[in-house]
N, C-alpha and C. Protein backbone atom coordinates (compact mmCIF):
# COMPACT_ATOMS: atom_id res chain seq x y z
N UNK A 1 -16.92 7.42 19.10
CA UNK A 1 -16.90 6.75 17.82
C UNK A 1 -15.93 7.46 16.87
N UNK A 2 -15.79 8.77 16.99
CA UNK A 2 -14.88 9.52 16.13
C UNK A 2 -13.44 9.08 16.36
N UNK A 3 -13.11 8.76 17.61
CA UNK A 3 -11.76 8.29 17.92
C UNK A 3 -11.51 6.93 17.28
N UNK A 4 -12.54 6.07 17.23
CA UNK A 4 -12.40 4.76 16.59
C UNK A 4 -12.18 4.91 15.08
N UNK A 5 -12.85 5.87 14.47
CA UNK A 5 -12.66 6.13 13.04
C UNK A 5 -11.24 6.62 12.79
N UNK A 6 -10.75 7.52 13.63
CA UNK A 6 -9.38 8.01 13.48
C UNK A 6 -8.37 6.88 13.64
N UNK A 7 -8.64 5.97 14.56
CA UNK A 7 -7.75 4.83 14.77
C UNK A 7 -7.74 3.92 13.54
N UNK A 8 -8.91 3.72 12.94
CA UNK A 8 -8.99 2.90 11.73
C UNK A 8 -8.25 3.55 10.57
N UNK A 9 -8.39 4.85 10.41
CA UNK A 9 -7.68 5.57 9.36
C UNK A 9 -6.18 5.50 9.61
N UNK A 10 -5.76 5.67 10.84
CA UNK A 10 -4.34 5.60 11.18
C UNK A 10 -3.77 4.20 10.90
N UNK A 11 -4.51 3.17 11.28
CA UNK A 11 -4.06 1.80 11.01
C UNK A 11 -3.97 1.53 9.52
N UNK A 12 -4.92 2.05 8.76
CA UNK A 12 -4.90 1.87 7.31
C UNK A 12 -3.71 2.60 6.70
N UNK A 13 -3.44 3.80 7.17
CA UNK A 13 -2.28 4.54 6.67
C UNK A 13 -0.98 3.81 6.98
N UNK A 14 -0.85 3.24 8.16
CA UNK A 14 0.35 2.49 8.50
C UNK A 14 0.50 1.24 7.63
N UNK A 15 -0.61 0.59 7.32
CA UNK A 15 -0.52 -0.59 6.45
C UNK A 15 -0.10 -0.21 5.03
N UNK A 16 -0.57 0.92 4.53
CA UNK A 16 -0.10 1.40 3.23
C UNK A 16 1.38 1.77 3.31
N UNK A 17 1.82 2.30 4.45
CA UNK A 17 3.24 2.63 4.62
C UNK A 17 4.09 1.35 4.59
N UNK A 18 3.63 0.31 5.26
CA UNK A 18 4.34 -0.98 5.24
C UNK A 18 4.38 -1.54 3.83
N UNK A 19 3.27 -1.42 3.10
CA UNK A 19 3.25 -1.87 1.71
C UNK A 19 4.21 -1.08 0.84
N UNK A 20 4.28 0.23 1.08
CA UNK A 20 5.21 1.07 0.32
C UNK A 20 6.65 0.66 0.57
N UNK A 21 7.00 0.45 1.82
CA UNK A 21 8.37 0.06 2.16
C UNK A 21 8.71 -1.29 1.55
N UNK A 22 7.78 -2.22 1.60
CA UNK A 22 8.00 -3.54 1.02
C UNK A 22 8.20 -3.49 -0.49
N UNK A 23 7.37 -2.70 -1.17
CA UNK A 23 7.49 -2.58 -2.63
C UNK A 23 8.76 -1.85 -3.03
N UNK A 24 9.13 -0.83 -2.27
CA UNK A 24 10.37 -0.11 -2.57
C UNK A 24 11.58 -1.01 -2.34
N UNK A 25 11.54 -1.83 -1.29
CA UNK A 25 12.64 -2.76 -1.04
C UNK A 25 12.71 -3.82 -2.13
N UNK A 26 11.58 -4.28 -2.61
CA UNK A 26 11.56 -5.26 -3.70
C UNK A 26 12.13 -4.66 -4.97
N UNK A 27 11.80 -3.40 -5.24
CA UNK A 27 12.35 -2.73 -6.42
C UNK A 27 13.87 -2.66 -6.33
N UNK A 28 14.37 -2.26 -5.20
CA UNK A 28 15.81 -2.18 -5.01
C UNK A 28 16.46 -3.56 -5.15
N UNK A 29 15.83 -4.57 -4.59
CA UNK A 29 16.36 -5.93 -4.68
C UNK A 29 16.44 -6.40 -6.14
N UNK A 30 15.38 -6.20 -6.89
CA UNK A 30 15.38 -6.64 -8.29
C UNK A 30 16.44 -5.90 -9.10
N UNK A 31 16.64 -4.63 -8.82
CA UNK A 31 17.64 -3.88 -9.56
C UNK A 31 19.07 -4.28 -9.18
N UNK A 32 19.30 -4.54 -7.92
CA UNK A 32 20.64 -4.92 -7.46
C UNK A 32 21.01 -6.33 -7.94
N UNK A 33 20.06 -7.24 -7.87
CA UNK A 33 20.33 -8.63 -8.24
C UNK A 33 20.22 -8.91 -9.73
N UNK A 34 19.83 -7.92 -10.50
CA UNK A 34 19.63 -8.10 -11.93
C UNK A 34 20.89 -8.57 -12.64
N UNK A 35 22.04 -8.03 -12.29
CA UNK A 35 23.28 -8.37 -12.98
C UNK A 35 23.81 -9.75 -12.61
N UNK A 36 23.34 -10.33 -11.52
CA UNK A 36 23.80 -11.66 -11.15
C UNK A 36 23.00 -12.77 -11.83
N UNK A 37 21.98 -12.41 -12.57
CA UNK A 37 21.15 -13.38 -13.27
C UNK A 37 21.73 -13.70 -14.65
N UNK A 38 21.27 -14.82 -15.20
CA UNK A 38 21.63 -15.14 -16.58
C UNK A 38 21.05 -14.07 -17.50
N UNK A 39 21.71 -13.82 -18.64
CA UNK A 39 21.25 -12.74 -19.53
C UNK A 39 19.79 -12.89 -19.98
N UNK A 40 19.29 -14.10 -20.13
CA UNK A 40 17.90 -14.25 -20.60
C UNK A 40 16.88 -13.89 -19.52
N UNK A 41 17.31 -13.82 -18.25
CA UNK A 41 16.38 -13.49 -17.16
C UNK A 41 16.52 -12.04 -16.68
N UNK A 42 17.43 -11.30 -17.21
CA UNK A 42 17.61 -9.91 -16.76
C UNK A 42 16.43 -9.03 -17.11
N UNK A 43 15.84 -9.27 -18.26
CA UNK A 43 14.67 -8.46 -18.63
C UNK A 43 13.49 -8.75 -17.70
N UNK A 44 13.38 -9.98 -17.22
CA UNK A 44 12.32 -10.32 -16.28
C UNK A 44 12.51 -9.56 -14.97
N UNK A 45 13.73 -9.48 -14.50
CA UNK A 45 14.02 -8.73 -13.27
C UNK A 45 13.74 -7.24 -13.47
N UNK A 46 14.02 -6.73 -14.66
CA UNK A 46 13.76 -5.32 -14.94
C UNK A 46 12.26 -5.03 -14.93
N UNK A 47 11.48 -5.91 -15.54
CA UNK A 47 10.02 -5.74 -15.55
C UNK A 47 9.47 -5.85 -14.13
N UNK A 48 9.98 -6.80 -13.35
CA UNK A 48 9.54 -6.94 -11.96
C UNK A 48 9.87 -5.68 -11.16
N UNK A 49 11.05 -5.10 -11.41
CA UNK A 49 11.42 -3.86 -10.72
C UNK A 49 10.49 -2.72 -11.10
N UNK A 50 10.12 -2.63 -12.36
CA UNK A 50 9.19 -1.58 -12.79
C UNK A 50 7.81 -1.76 -12.17
N UNK A 51 7.34 -2.98 -12.12
CA UNK A 51 6.01 -3.25 -11.55
C UNK A 51 6.00 -2.90 -10.06
N UNK A 52 7.02 -3.32 -9.34
CA UNK A 52 7.05 -3.02 -7.91
C UNK A 52 7.29 -1.53 -7.65
N UNK A 53 7.98 -0.84 -8.55
CA UNK A 53 8.16 0.61 -8.41
C UNK A 53 6.83 1.34 -8.57
N UNK A 54 6.05 0.96 -9.57
CA UNK A 54 4.74 1.58 -9.78
C UNK A 54 3.82 1.28 -8.59
N UNK A 55 3.88 0.05 -8.09
CA UNK A 55 3.06 -0.30 -6.92
C UNK A 55 3.48 0.50 -5.70
N UNK A 56 4.78 0.72 -5.52
CA UNK A 56 5.26 1.51 -4.39
C UNK A 56 4.75 2.94 -4.46
N UNK A 57 4.75 3.51 -5.65
CA UNK A 57 4.24 4.88 -5.81
C UNK A 57 2.75 4.93 -5.48
N UNK A 58 1.99 3.96 -5.95
CA UNK A 58 0.56 3.93 -5.64
C UNK A 58 0.31 3.76 -4.14
N UNK A 59 1.05 2.90 -3.49
CA UNK A 59 0.89 2.73 -2.04
C UNK A 59 1.23 4.02 -1.30
N UNK A 60 2.25 4.74 -1.76
CA UNK A 60 2.64 5.99 -1.11
C UNK A 60 1.51 7.02 -1.19
N UNK A 61 0.90 7.16 -2.35
CA UNK A 61 -0.17 8.15 -2.49
C UNK A 61 -1.47 7.70 -1.84
N UNK A 62 -1.73 6.41 -1.79
CA UNK A 62 -2.94 5.93 -1.13
C UNK A 62 -2.87 6.14 0.37
N UNK A 63 -1.68 6.12 0.93
CA UNK A 63 -1.51 6.37 2.36
C UNK A 63 -2.09 7.73 2.74
N UNK A 64 -1.82 8.73 1.90
CA UNK A 64 -2.33 10.07 2.19
C UNK A 64 -3.78 10.24 1.76
N UNK A 65 -4.22 9.53 0.75
CA UNK A 65 -5.59 9.68 0.25
C UNK A 65 -6.61 9.15 1.24
N UNK A 66 -6.26 8.15 2.01
CA UNK A 66 -7.21 7.58 2.96
C UNK A 66 -7.58 8.59 4.03
N UNK A 67 -6.61 9.30 4.58
CA UNK A 67 -6.90 10.24 5.66
C UNK A 67 -7.47 11.56 5.19
N UNK A 68 -7.03 12.05 4.04
CA UNK A 68 -7.44 13.38 3.59
C UNK A 68 -8.86 13.42 3.03
N UNK A 69 -9.21 12.43 2.23
CA UNK A 69 -10.49 12.51 1.52
C UNK A 69 -11.62 11.80 2.24
N UNK A 70 -11.34 11.13 3.35
CA UNK A 70 -12.39 10.37 4.01
C UNK A 70 -12.77 9.15 3.20
N UNK A 71 -11.81 8.60 2.50
CA UNK A 71 -12.06 7.46 1.63
C UNK A 71 -12.57 6.26 2.41
N UNK A 72 -12.12 6.14 3.62
CA UNK A 72 -12.51 5.00 4.43
C UNK A 72 -13.37 5.49 5.59
N UNK A 73 -14.62 5.05 5.61
CA UNK A 73 -15.53 5.44 6.68
C UNK A 73 -16.06 4.21 7.39
N UNK A 74 -16.27 4.35 8.66
CA UNK A 74 -16.74 3.21 9.44
C UNK A 74 -17.99 3.63 10.20
N UNK A 75 -18.93 2.74 10.23
CA UNK A 75 -20.12 3.01 11.03
C UNK A 75 -20.43 1.77 11.87
N UNK A 76 -20.99 1.99 13.03
CA UNK A 76 -21.35 0.90 13.93
C UNK A 76 -22.86 0.71 13.89
N UNK A 77 -23.30 -0.53 13.79
CA UNK A 77 -24.73 -0.78 13.89
C UNK A 77 -25.07 -1.09 15.35
N UNK A 78 -26.30 -1.45 15.59
CA UNK A 78 -26.75 -1.62 16.97
C UNK A 78 -26.11 -2.83 17.65
N UNK A 79 -25.56 -3.77 16.91
CA UNK A 79 -24.93 -4.95 17.50
C UNK A 79 -23.43 -4.76 17.71
N UNK A 80 -22.92 -3.59 17.49
CA UNK A 80 -21.51 -3.25 17.65
C UNK A 80 -20.63 -4.01 16.66
N UNK A 81 -21.17 -4.29 15.48
CA UNK A 81 -20.37 -4.88 14.41
C UNK A 81 -19.88 -3.77 13.52
N UNK A 82 -18.73 -3.97 12.91
CA UNK A 82 -18.14 -2.95 12.07
C UNK A 82 -18.62 -3.10 10.64
N UNK A 83 -19.02 -2.00 10.04
CA UNK A 83 -19.39 -1.96 8.63
C UNK A 83 -18.46 -0.95 7.96
N UNK A 84 -17.60 -1.44 7.11
CA UNK A 84 -16.62 -0.58 6.44
C UNK A 84 -17.12 -0.31 5.03
N UNK A 85 -17.27 0.96 4.70
CA UNK A 85 -17.71 1.33 3.37
C UNK A 85 -16.63 2.17 2.70
N UNK A 86 -16.44 1.94 1.43
CA UNK A 86 -15.46 2.66 0.66
C UNK A 86 -16.21 3.73 -0.15
N UNK A 87 -15.72 4.95 -0.11
CA UNK A 87 -16.34 6.04 -0.86
C UNK A 87 -16.73 7.17 0.04
N UNK A 88 -17.35 8.17 -0.56
CA UNK A 88 -17.68 9.37 0.22
C UNK A 88 -19.10 9.41 0.68
C-alpha cells in the first residue's frame, strides 16, 4: 500500500508540473502577443500574463508541497475503493 501512496504522490506532482509548464507558456504567450493587439486590449493581455504568472508560481510550489508534507494521503477501505483525504 505504501508503494501505491508513493505512486499517487508522484502522479500528483507530475500533474502540478504539467500545470506549471502550461501556465508559464501562457504567460510567455500573453507577453509576446501583447504588442500585436489593439492598444485598448494590451492591458487585458498584461493582466492575463500576471494572473497566469502567479498561477505558475503556485503550481511550482504545490508540486513540492504534496510530496514533502504528506498533504495528500490515501487509504483503502475493505472494498478496495480509494478514499483521498486532504490534510495531515
